[in-house]
Amino acid sequence: MKSLDQTFAALADPTRRAIVARLAKGDATVGELAEPFRISLPAISRHLKVLEDASLISNQREGKSRRCHLKPEALTGAAVWINSQRSFWNGSFDRLDARLKQKAKEKVAKEKP
């Protein structure tokens, strides 16, 4: 459960979600990832460290820069949890819908002479 907590904590920040979305399109250097943001390079590095600690990304040195890579398998746990919640709530809403329809039918039946 700790890794799931780390995943959601890492994805709780909009900058980190944007970085993950960018890396979903392909690997990028730290500088390329920093381009669209109006924050310092050290701040971007801190965001990348959080993502790396959550095992969502990896990076390796390429000459003078570091290239980051998304590890999509790390999102599997979150996807499984979200899908289980979706299944639970969809089932709950389906049962509620059926119950409300049944109640409406019973009400109509009582009102008929």
C-alpha atoms as a PDB file:
ATOM      1  CA  MET A   1       0.000   0.000   0.000  1.00  0.00           C
ATOM      2  CA  LYS A   2       2.987   2.302   0.576  1.00  0.00           C
ATOM      3  CA  SER A   3       3.812   2.386  -3.135  1.00  0.00           C
ATOM      4  CA  LEU A   4       0.196   3.268  -3.925  1.00  0.00           C
ATOM      5  CA  ASP A   5       0.345   6.079  -1.371  1.00  0.00           C
ATOM      6  CA  GLN A   6       3.588   7.311  -2.923  1.00  0.00           C
ATOM      7  CA  THR A   7       2.087   7.161  -6.409  1.00  0.00           C
ATOM      8  CA  PHE A   8      -0.959   9.216  -5.465  1.00  0.00           C
ATOM      9  CA  ALA A   9       1.137  11.653  -3.418  1.00  0.00           C
ATOM     10  CA  ALA A  10       3.467  12.148  -6.383  1.00  0.00           C
ATOM     11  CA  LEU A  11       0.548  12.652  -8.754  1.00  0.00           C
ATOM     12  CA  ALA A  12      -1.217  15.065  -6.391  1.00  0.00           C
ATOM     13  CA  ASP A  13       0.824  17.974  -7.714  1.00  0.00           C
ATOM     14  CA  PRO A  14      -0.215  19.488 -11.083  1.00  0.00           C
ATOM     15  CA  THR A  15       3.399  20.115 -12.123  1.00  0.00           C
ATOM     16  CA  ARG A  16       4.294  16.480 -11.557  1.00  0.00           C
ATOM     17  CA  ARG A  17       1.172  15.328 -13.433  1.00  0.00           C
ATOM     18  CA  ALA A  18       2.213  17.559 -16.338  1.00  0.00           C
ATOM     19  CA  ILE A  19       5.700  16.054 -16.273  1.00  0.00           C
ATOM     20  CA  VAL A  20       4.239  12.532 -16.314  1.00  0.00           C
ATOM     21  CA  ALA A  21       1.939  13.512 -19.209  1.00  0.00           C
ATOM     22  CA  ARG A  22       4.925  14.913 -21.117  1.00  0.00           C
ATOM     23  CA  LEU A  23       6.992  11.787 -20.485  1.00  0.00           C
ATOM     24  CA  ALA A  24       4.094   9.646 -21.704  1.00  0.00           C
ATOM     25  CA  LYS A  25       4.881  11.109 -25.141  1.00  0.00           C
ATOM     26  CA  GLY A  26       8.517  10.076 -24.899  1.00  0.00           C
ATOM     27  CA  ASP A  27      11.733  10.513 -22.982  1.00  0.00           C
ATOM     28  CA  ALA A  28      12.973  14.034 -22.311  1.00  0.00           C
ATOM     29  CA  THR A  29      15.890  15.804 -20.712  1.00  0.00           C
ATOM     30  CA  VAL A  30      15.458  17.720 -17.480  1.00  0.00           C
ATOM     31  CA  GLY A  31      15.842  20.946 -19.455  1.00  0.00           C
ATOM     32  CA  GLU A  32      13.123  19.922 -21.906  1.00  0.00           C
ATOM     33  CA  LEU A  33      10.821  19.050 -19.013  1.00  0.00           C
ATOM     34  CA  ALA A  34      11.511  22.392 -17.341  1.00  0.00           C
ATOM     35  CA  GLU A  35      10.777  24.492 -20.467  1.00  0.00           C
ATOM     36  CA  PRO A  36       7.002  24.962 -20.093  1.00  0.00           C
ATOM     37  CA  PHE A  37       7.161  25.837 -16.392  1.00  0.00           C
ATOM     38  CA  ARG A  38       7.863  29.168 -14.773  1.00  0.00           C
ATOM     39  CA  ILE A  39       9.784  27.606 -11.915  1.00  0.00           C
ATOM     40  CA  SER A  40      13.484  27.170 -11.272  1.00  0.00           C
ATOM     41  CA  LEU A  41      15.511  24.200 -12.445  1.00  0.00           C
ATOM     42  CA  PRO A  42      16.109  23.158  -8.812  1.00  0.00           C
ATOM     43  CA  ALA A  43      12.321  23.126  -8.269  1.00  0.00           C
ATOM     44  CA  ILE A  44      11.898  20.908 -11.340  1.00  0.00           C
ATOM     45  CA  SER A  45      14.636  18.647  -9.971  1.00  0.00           C
ATOM     46  CA  ARG A  46      12.734  18.329  -6.684  1.00  0.00           C
ATOM     47  CA  HIS A  47       9.583  17.358  -8.585  1.00  0.00           C
ATOM     48  CA  LEU A  48      11.566  14.785 -10.557  1.00  0.00           C
ATOM     49  CA  LYS A  49      12.996  13.393  -7.320  1.00  0.00           C
ATOM     50  CA  VAL A  50       9.472  12.865  -5.947  1.00  0.00           C
ATOM     51  CA  LEU A  51       8.460  11.087  -9.152  1.00  0.00           C
ATOM     52  CA  GLU A  52      11.599   8.975  -9.044  1.00  0.00           C
ATOM     53  CA  ASP A  53      11.101   8.081  -5.369  1.00  0.00           C
ATOM     54  CA  ALA A  54       7.597   6.904  -6.287  1.00  0.00           C
ATOM     55  CA  SER A  55       9.168   4.763  -9.053  1.00  0.00           C
ATOM     56  CA  LEU A  56       7.175   6.628 -11.705  1.00  0.00           C
ATOM     57  CA  ILE A  57      10.243   7.738 -13.631  1.00  0.00           C
ATOM     58  CA  SER A  58      13.879   6.871 -14.054  1.00  0.00           C
ATOM     59  CA  ASN A  59      16.683   8.985 -15.370  1.00  0.00           C
ATOM     60  CA  GLN A  60      20.157   8.475 -16.640  1.00  0.00           C
ATOM     61  CA  ARG A  61      23.013  10.752 -17.479  1.00  0.00           C
ATOM     62  CA  GLU A  62      23.566  11.526 -21.155  1.00  0.00           C
ATOM     63  CA  GLY A  63      26.658  13.665 -21.459  1.00  0.00           C
ATOM     64  CA  LYS A  64      25.996  16.871 -19.541  1.00  0.00           C
ATOM     65  CA  SER A  65      22.254  16.296 -19.215  1.00  0.00           C
ATOM     66  CA  ARG A  66      19.923  13.764 -17.660  1.00  0.00           C
ATOM     67  CA  ARG A  67      17.269  12.006 -19.744  1.00  0.00           C
ATOM     68  CA  CYS A  68      14.064  11.035 -17.945  1.00  0.00           C
ATOM     69  CA  HIS A  69      11.910   8.042 -18.797  1.00  0.00           C
ATOM     70  CA  LEU A  70       8.372   7.246 -17.661  1.00  0.00           C
ATOM     71  CA  LYS A  71       7.913   3.857 -16.019  1.00  0.00           C
ATOM     72  CA  PRO A  72       4.256   3.212 -16.934  1.00  0.00           C
ATOM     73  CA  GLU A  73       4.209  -0.112 -15.076  1.00  0.00           C
ATOM     74  CA  ALA A  74       4.426   1.911 -11.861  1.00  0.00           C
ATOM     75  CA  LEU A  75       0.966   3.302 -12.634  1.00  0.00           C
ATOM     76  CA  THR A  76      -0.533  -0.194 -12.725  1.00  0.00           C
ATOM     77  CA  GLY A  77      -1.262  -0.271  -8.989  1.00  0.00           C
ATOM     78  CA  ALA A  78      -3.060   3.062  -9.171  1.00  0.00           C
ATOM     79  CA  ALA A  79      -5.031   1.944 -12.220  1.00  0.00           C
ATOM     80  CA  VAL A  80      -6.088  -1.281 -10.491  1.00  0.00           C
ATOM     81  CA  TRP A  81      -7.209   0.639  -7.395  1.00  0.00           C
ATOM     82  CA  ILE A  82      -9.116   3.213  -9.470  1.00  0.00           C
ATOM     83  CA  ASN A  83     -10.815   0.469 -11.480  1.00  0.00           C
ATOM     84  CA  SER A  84     -11.869  -1.357  -8.318  1.00  0.00           C
ATOM     85  CA  GLN A  85     -13.351   1.876  -6.965  1.00  0.00           C
ATOM     86  CA  ARG A  86     -15.090   2.520 -10.276  1.00  0.00           C
ATOM     87  CA  SER A  87     -16.570  -0.991 -10.235  1.00  0.00           C
ATOM     88  CA  PHE A  88     -17.772  -0.565  -6.659  1.00  0.00           C
ATOM     89  CA  TRP A  89     -19.392   2.811  -7.300  1.00  0.00           C
ATOM     90  CA  ASN A  90     -20.892   1.816 -10.649  1.00  0.00           C
ATOM     91  CA  GLY A  91     -22.428  -1.233  -8.963  1.00  0.00           C
ATOM     92  CA  SER A  92     -23.715   0.902  -6.109  1.00  0.00           C
ATOM     93  CA  PHE A  93     -25.232   3.441  -8.479  1.00  0.00           C
ATOM     94  CA  ASP A  94     -26.773   0.672 -10.595  1.00  0.00           C
ATOM     95  CA  ARG A  95     -28.389  -0.850  -7.488  1.00  0.00           C
ATOM     96  CA  LEU A  96     -29.611   2.572  -6.376  1.00  0.00           C
ATOM     97  CA  ASP A  97     -31.051   3.251  -9.839  1.00  0.00           C
ATOM     98  CA  ALA A  98     -32.850  -0.097  -9.850  1.00  0.00           C
ATOM     99  CA  ARG A  99     -34.228   0.533  -6.354  1.00  0.00           C
ATOM    100  CA  LEU A 100     -35.465   4.021  -7.265  1.00  0.00           C
ATOM    101  CA  LYS A 101     -37.167   2.686 -10.398  1.00  0.00           C
ATOM    102  CA  GLN A 102     -38.802  -0.055  -8.341  1.00  0.00           C
ATOM    103  CA  LYS A 103     -40.023   2.500  -5.785  1.00  0.00           C
ATOM    104  CA  ALA A 104     -41.430   4.672  -8.598  1.00  0.00           C
ATOM    105  CA  LYS A 105     -43.291   1.667 -10.044  1.00  0.00           C
ATOM    106  CA  GLU A 106     -44.691   0.820  -6.601  1.00  0.00           C
ATOM    107  CA  LYS A 107     -45.829   4.404  -6.121  1.00  0.00           C
ATOM    108  CA  VAL A 108     -47.584   4.431  -9.505  1.00  0.00           C
ATOM    109  CA  ALA A 109     -49.216   1.081  -8.728  1.00  0.00           C
ATOM    110  CA  LYS A 110     -50.549   2.415  -5.394  1.00  0.00           C
ATOM    111  CA  GLU A 111     -51.975   5.520  -7.057  1.00  0.00           C
ATOM    112  CA  LYS A 112     -53.977   3.529  -9.629  1.00  0.00           C
ATOM    113  CA  PRO A 113     -57.604   2.934  -8.592  1.00  0.00           C
END
